[in-house]
Amino acid sequence: MHLFSRFRALPAAVTVLTGTTALQMTLVAVGNITDFETNQAFVRHVLAMDTTFQSPNMMWRAITSPGLADAAYIVIIAWEVLTALVLVSGLIGCLRNPLRGTAPSRAYQLSGLGWVMQLLLFGVGFMAIGGEWFQMWQSSKWNGLQAALPHVIIASFGLVLAHLAAQGSKRASDDSFR
């Protein structure tokens, strides 16, 4: 029972959300690695802007080189793998700290970093660059905006939780020194 008393609600929420997003990002990366061609086609079509409204004022943005598109896709996969590894490290820290009775500030920092990386990928990469710069929102077939939004919401929520938990952890450790 003493072990369970160390897992308070907010730190437990951060731990569960870190684990959930670590698993999610791991599965996203593994899916892209093991089924490379499916999302390779997605990236190629988004960058080529070949299913958008084809406005001459926008088409100068298109990247039609398969080599450049594939390089962008490999960078995306590498970023997904790195994000998953950071989140797994955060999860391990979140699980270890209560067992040791230590403050989990480093674990919260790793979780927060993983969520920032997830926000950069899905918020900046997919929503801003893919959605707006490459006009992905215009495509009925190659539009990943709806798929990106849950990632942005979860990562944003995780950042808030990690910040609140870190503040609570800091206050608790400050109180123990008095």
C-alpha atoms as a PDB file:
ATOM      1  CA  MET A   1       0.000   0.000   0.000  1.00  0.00           C
ATOM      2  CA  HIS A   2       2.935   2.333   0.698  1.00  0.00           C
ATOM      3  CA  LEU A   3       3.954   2.083  -2.973  1.00  0.00           C
ATOM      4  CA  PHE A   4       0.506   3.193  -4.165  1.00  0.00           C
ATOM      5  CA  SER A   5       0.539   6.202  -1.840  1.00  0.00           C
ATOM      6  CA  ARG A   6       3.548   7.515  -3.764  1.00  0.00           C
ATOM      7  CA  PHE A   7       1.531   7.625  -7.012  1.00  0.00           C
ATOM      8  CA  ARG A   8      -0.563  10.766  -6.674  1.00  0.00           C
ATOM      9  CA  ALA A   9      -3.224  11.696  -9.230  1.00  0.00           C
ATOM     10  CA  LEU A  10      -1.330  14.328 -11.245  1.00  0.00           C
ATOM     11  CA  PRO A  11       1.962  12.422 -11.485  1.00  0.00           C
ATOM     12  CA  ALA A  12      -0.030   9.289 -12.334  1.00  0.00           C
ATOM     13  CA  ALA A  13      -1.828  11.183 -15.120  1.00  0.00           C
ATOM     14  CA  VAL A  14       1.503  12.359 -16.534  1.00  0.00           C
ATOM     15  CA  THR A  15       2.838   8.814 -16.367  1.00  0.00           C
ATOM     16  CA  VAL A  16      -0.197   7.320 -18.108  1.00  0.00           C
ATOM     17  CA  LEU A  17      -0.262  10.002 -20.806  1.00  0.00           C
ATOM     18  CA  THR A  18       3.488   9.663 -21.348  1.00  0.00           C
ATOM     19  CA  GLY A  19       3.072   5.906 -21.732  1.00  0.00           C
ATOM     20  CA  THR A  20       0.111   6.321 -24.057  1.00  0.00           C
ATOM     21  CA  THR A  21       1.879   8.775 -26.352  1.00  0.00           C
ATOM     22  CA  ALA A  22       5.119   6.775 -26.224  1.00  0.00           C
ATOM     23  CA  LEU A  23       3.197   3.729 -27.418  1.00  0.00           C
ATOM     24  CA  GLN A  24       1.329   5.757 -30.024  1.00  0.00           C
ATOM     25  CA  MET A  25       4.481   7.345 -31.463  1.00  0.00           C
ATOM     26  CA  THR A  26       6.257   3.980 -31.437  1.00  0.00           C
ATOM     27  CA  LEU A  27       3.408   2.415 -33.404  1.00  0.00           C
ATOM     28  CA  VAL A  28       3.330   5.351 -35.840  1.00  0.00           C
ATOM     29  CA  ALA A  29       7.077   4.987 -36.474  1.00  0.00           C
ATOM     30  CA  VAL A  30       6.935   1.186 -36.768  1.00  0.00           C
ATOM     31  CA  GLY A  31       3.984   1.477 -39.151  1.00  0.00           C
ATOM     32  CA  ASN A  32       5.857   3.905 -41.380  1.00  0.00           C
ATOM     33  CA  ILE A  33       8.958   1.737 -41.364  1.00  0.00           C
ATOM     34  CA  THR A  34       7.198  -1.580 -42.022  1.00  0.00           C
ATOM     35  CA  ASP A  35       4.689  -0.138 -44.533  1.00  0.00           C
ATOM     36  CA  PHE A  36       6.959   2.464 -46.068  1.00  0.00           C
ATOM     37  CA  GLU A  37       5.155   2.767 -49.409  1.00  0.00           C
ATOM     38  CA  THR A  38       1.719   3.756 -48.053  1.00  0.00           C
ATOM     39  CA  ASN A  39       2.758   6.988 -46.386  1.00  0.00           C
ATOM     40  CA  GLN A  40       5.527   7.539 -48.926  1.00  0.00           C
ATOM     41  CA  ALA A  41       2.722   8.056 -51.448  1.00  0.00           C
ATOM     42  CA  PHE A  42       0.978  10.398 -48.999  1.00  0.00           C
ATOM     43  CA  VAL A  43       4.081  12.579 -48.586  1.00  0.00           C
ATOM     44  CA  ARG A  44       4.781  12.606 -52.319  1.00  0.00           C
ATOM     45  CA  HIS A  45       1.207  13.704 -53.160  1.00  0.00           C
ATOM     46  CA  VAL A  46       1.064  16.367 -50.439  1.00  0.00           C
ATOM     47  CA  LEU A  47       4.377  17.881 -51.503  1.00  0.00           C
ATOM     48  CA  ALA A  48       3.502  17.654 -55.220  1.00  0.00           C
ATOM     49  CA  MET A  49       0.157  19.373 -54.524  1.00  0.00           C
ATOM     50  CA  ASP A  50      -1.285  17.269 -57.335  1.00  0.00           C
ATOM     51  CA  THR A  51      -4.718  16.856 -55.742  1.00  0.00           C
ATOM     52  CA  THR A  52      -5.212  20.485 -54.692  1.00  0.00           C
ATOM     53  CA  PHE A  53      -7.161  23.136 -56.578  1.00  0.00           C
ATOM     54  CA  GLN A  54      -4.048  23.683 -58.748  1.00  0.00           C
ATOM     55  CA  SER A  55      -4.101  27.473 -58.371  1.00  0.00           C
ATOM     56  CA  PRO A  56      -1.255  28.941 -60.449  1.00  0.00           C
ATOM     57  CA  ASN A  57      -0.615  31.340 -57.568  1.00  0.00           C
ATOM     58  CA  MET A  58       0.177  28.413 -55.282  1.00  0.00           C
ATOM     59  CA  MET A  59       1.665  25.705 -57.477  1.00  0.00           C
ATOM     60  CA  TRP A  60       5.154  27.229 -57.395  1.00  0.00           C
ATOM     61  CA  ARG A  61       5.347  25.750 -53.895  1.00  0.00           C
ATOM     62  CA  ALA A  62       5.008  22.162 -55.138  1.00  0.00           C
ATOM     63  CA  ILE A  63       7.899  19.739 -54.736  1.00  0.00           C
ATOM     64  CA  THR A  64       7.601  17.149 -57.467  1.00  0.00           C
ATOM     65  CA  SER A  65      10.996  15.486 -57.097  1.00  0.00           C
ATOM     66  CA  PRO A  66      10.484  11.949 -55.736  1.00  0.00           C
ATOM     67  CA  GLY A  67      13.978  12.088 -54.230  1.00  0.00           C
ATOM     68  CA  LEU A  68      13.247  15.243 -52.243  1.00  0.00           C
ATOM     69  CA  ALA A  69       9.861  13.897 -51.167  1.00  0.00           C
ATOM     70  CA  ASP A  70      11.419  10.624 -50.033  1.00  0.00           C
ATOM     71  CA  ALA A  71      14.126  12.508 -48.120  1.00  0.00           C
ATOM     72  CA  ALA A  72      11.405  14.502 -46.352  1.00  0.00           C
ATOM     73  CA  TYR A  73       9.583  11.258 -45.510  1.00  0.00           C
ATOM     74  CA  ILE A  74      12.747   9.692 -44.078  1.00  0.00           C
ATOM     75  CA  VAL A  75      13.272  12.799 -41.915  1.00  0.00           C
ATOM     76  CA  ILE A  76       9.673  12.471 -40.699  1.00  0.00           C
ATOM     77  CA  ILE A  77      10.216   8.819 -39.760  1.00  0.00           C
ATOM     78  CA  ALA A  78      13.493   9.620 -37.997  1.00  0.00           C
ATOM     79  CA  TRP A  79      11.715  12.374 -36.050  1.00  0.00           C
ATOM     80  CA  GLU A  80       8.938   9.923 -35.085  1.00  0.00           C
ATOM     81  CA  VAL A  81      11.493   7.384 -33.833  1.00  0.00           C
ATOM     82  CA  LEU A  82      13.372  10.035 -31.854  1.00  0.00           C
ATOM     83  CA  THR A  83      10.114  11.348 -30.373  1.00  0.00           C
ATOM     84  CA  ALA A  84       9.097   7.835 -29.335  1.00  0.00           C
ATOM     85  CA  LEU A  85      12.504   7.250 -27.694  1.00  0.00           C
ATOM     86  CA  VAL A  86      12.292  10.517 -25.738  1.00  0.00           C
ATOM     87  CA  LEU A  87       8.770   9.662 -24.550  1.00  0.00           C
ATOM     88  CA  VAL A  88       9.833   6.132 -23.555  1.00  0.00           C
ATOM     89  CA  SER A  89      12.710   7.674 -21.564  1.00  0.00           C
ATOM     90  CA  GLY A  90      10.226  10.010 -19.888  1.00  0.00           C
ATOM     91  CA  LEU A  91       7.969   7.054 -19.074  1.00  0.00           C
ATOM     92  CA  ILE A  92      10.837   5.101 -17.535  1.00  0.00           C
ATOM     93  CA  GLY A  93      11.695   8.125 -15.390  1.00  0.00           C
ATOM     94  CA  CYS A  94       8.064   8.590 -14.363  1.00  0.00           C
ATOM     95  CA  LEU A  95       7.893   4.949 -13.286  1.00  0.00           C
ATOM     96  CA  ARG A  96      11.267   4.901 -11.501  1.00  0.00           C
ATOM     97  CA  ASN A  97      10.970   8.089  -9.469  1.00  0.00           C
ATOM     98  CA  PRO A  98       8.066   7.086  -7.195  1.00  0.00           C
ATOM     99  CA  LEU A  99       9.782   3.764  -6.514  1.00  0.00           C
ATOM    100  CA  ARG A 100      12.917   5.613  -5.415  1.00  0.00           C
ATOM    101  CA  GLY A 101      11.031   8.381  -3.647  1.00  0.00           C
ATOM    102  CA  THR A 102      12.781  11.051  -5.724  1.00  0.00           C
ATOM    103  CA  ALA A 103      11.372  14.112  -7.443  1.00  0.00           C
ATOM    104  CA  PRO A 104      10.424  13.325 -11.058  1.00  0.00           C
ATOM    105  CA  SER A 105      11.450  16.682 -12.549  1.00  0.00           C
ATOM    106  CA  ARG A 106      13.830  15.096 -15.092  1.00  0.00           C
ATOM    107  CA  ALA A 107      11.137  12.632 -16.164  1.00  0.00           C
ATOM    108  CA  TYR A 108       8.658  15.480 -16.622  1.00  0.00           C
ATOM    109  CA  GLN A 109      11.236  17.352 -18.687  1.00  0.00           C
ATOM    110  CA  LEU A 110      11.714  14.327 -20.952  1.00  0.00           C
ATOM    111  CA  SER A 111       7.958  13.844 -21.316  1.00  0.00           C
ATOM    112  CA  GLY A 112       7.588  17.540 -22.069  1.00  0.00           C
ATOM    113  CA  LEU A 113      10.366  17.386 -24.657  1.00  0.00           C
ATOM    114  CA  GLY A 114       8.670  14.413 -26.319  1.00  0.00           C
ATOM    115  CA  TRP A 115       5.381  16.306 -26.460  1.00  0.00           C
ATOM    116  CA  VAL A 116       7.095  19.383 -27.899  1.00  0.00           C
ATOM    117  CA  MET A 117       8.617  17.131 -30.568  1.00  0.00           C
ATOM    118  CA  GLN A 118       5.185  15.669 -31.269  1.00  0.00           C
ATOM    119  CA  LEU A 119       3.750  19.193 -31.554  1.00  0.00           C
ATOM    120  CA  LEU A 120       6.492  20.183 -33.966  1.00  0.00           C
ATOM    121  CA  LEU A 121       5.801  17.169 -36.166  1.00  0.00           C
ATOM    122  CA  PHE A 122       2.031  17.308 -36.238  1.00  0.00           C
ATOM    123  CA  GLY A 123       1.378  20.998 -35.542  1.00  0.00           C
ATOM    124  CA  VAL A 124       4.161  22.603 -37.526  1.00  0.00           C
ATOM    125  CA  GLY A 125       4.921  19.804 -39.996  1.00  0.00           C
ATOM    126  CA  PHE A 126       1.496  18.490 -40.863  1.00  0.00           C
ATOM    127  CA  MET A 127      -0.924  21.278 -39.983  1.00  0.00           C
ATOM    128  CA  ALA A 128       1.083  24.404 -40.811  1.00  0.00           C
ATOM    129  CA  ILE A 129       3.493  23.269 -43.526  1.00  0.00           C
ATOM    130  CA  GLY A 130       1.473  20.419 -45.057  1.00  0.00           C
ATOM    131  CA  GLY A 131      -1.941  21.931 -44.449  1.00  0.00           C
ATOM    132  CA  GLU A 132      -1.276  25.536 -45.352  1.00  0.00           C
ATOM    133  CA  TRP A 133       1.973  25.816 -47.280  1.00  0.00           C
ATOM    134  CA  PHE A 134       1.277  22.768 -49.454  1.00  0.00           C
ATOM    135  CA  GLN A 135      -2.500  23.356 -49.325  1.00  0.00           C
ATOM    136  CA  MET A 136      -3.212  19.824 -48.065  1.00  0.00           C
ATOM    137  CA  TRP A 137      -6.614  21.021 -46.829  1.00  0.00           C
ATOM    138  CA  GLN A 138      -7.740  21.250 -50.468  1.00  0.00           C
ATOM    139  CA  SER A 139      -7.199  17.544 -51.145  1.00  0.00           C
ATOM    140  CA  SER A 140     -10.077  15.126 -50.613  1.00  0.00           C
ATOM    141  CA  LYS A 141      -7.714  12.133 -50.808  1.00  0.00           C
ATOM    142  CA  TRP A 142      -4.395  13.257 -49.287  1.00  0.00           C
ATOM    143  CA  ASN A 143      -5.537  15.424 -46.362  1.00  0.00           C
ATOM    144  CA  GLY A 144      -3.897  14.532 -43.062  1.00  0.00           C
ATOM    145  CA  LEU A 145      -5.177  17.484 -41.040  1.00  0.00           C
ATOM    146  CA  GLN A 146      -7.877  15.516 -39.248  1.00  0.00           C
ATOM    147  CA  ALA A 147      -5.384  12.793 -38.345  1.00  0.00           C
ATOM    148  CA  ALA A 148      -2.845  15.343 -37.054  1.00  0.00           C
ATOM    149  CA  LEU A 149      -5.239  17.204 -34.762  1.00  0.00           C
ATOM    150  CA  PRO A 150      -5.533  14.532 -32.011  1.00  0.00           C
ATOM    151  CA  HIS A 151      -1.727  14.414 -31.786  1.00  0.00           C
ATOM    152  CA  VAL A 152      -1.610  18.183 -31.313  1.00  0.00           C
ATOM    153  CA  ILE A 153      -4.354  18.096 -28.661  1.00  0.00           C
ATOM    154  CA  ILE A 154      -2.815  15.212 -26.700  1.00  0.00           C
ATOM    155  CA  ALA A 155       0.687  16.713 -26.792  1.00  0.00           C
ATOM    156  CA  SER A 156      -0.629  20.135 -25.721  1.00  0.00           C
ATOM    157  CA  PHE A 157      -2.578  18.590 -22.858  1.00  0.00           C
ATOM    158  CA  GLY A 158       0.473  16.558 -21.851  1.00  0.00           C
ATOM    159  CA  LEU A 159       2.619  19.688 -21.714  1.00  0.00           C
ATOM    160  CA  VAL A 160       0.121  21.355 -19.377  1.00  0.00           C
ATOM    161  CA  LEU A 161      -0.044  18.265 -17.150  1.00  0.00           C
ATOM    162  CA  ALA A 162       3.741  17.911 -17.027  1.00  0.00           C
ATOM    163  CA  HIS A 163       4.137  21.591 -16.147  1.00  0.00           C
ATOM    164  CA  LEU A 164       1.563  21.348 -13.351  1.00  0.00           C
ATOM    165  CA  ALA A 165       3.091  18.140 -12.011  1.00  0.00           C
ATOM    166  CA  ALA A 166       6.603  19.629 -12.110  1.00  0.00           C
ATOM    167  CA  GLN A 167       5.389  22.690 -10.202  1.00  0.00           C
ATOM    168  CA  GLY A 168       3.728  20.441  -7.618  1.00  0.00           C
ATOM    169  CA  SER A 169       6.860  18.324  -7.370  1.00  0.00           C
ATOM    170  CA  LYS A 170       9.015  21.436  -6.916  1.00  0.00           C
ATOM    171  CA  ARG A 171       6.740  22.753  -4.164  1.00  0.00           C
ATOM    172  CA  ALA A 172       6.779  19.382  -2.415  1.00  0.00           C
ATOM    173  CA  SER A 173      10.578  19.189  -2.496  1.00  0.00           C
ATOM    174  CA  ASP A 174      10.864  22.822  -1.333  1.00  0.00           C
ATOM    175  CA  ASP A 175       8.555  22.040   1.593  1.00  0.00           C
ATOM    176  CA  SER A 176      10.652  19.029   2.582  1.00  0.00           C
ATOM    177  CA  PHE A 177      13.725  21.258   3.035  1.00  0.00           C
ATOM    178  CA  ARG A 178      11.993  23.568   5.509  1.00  0.00           C
END
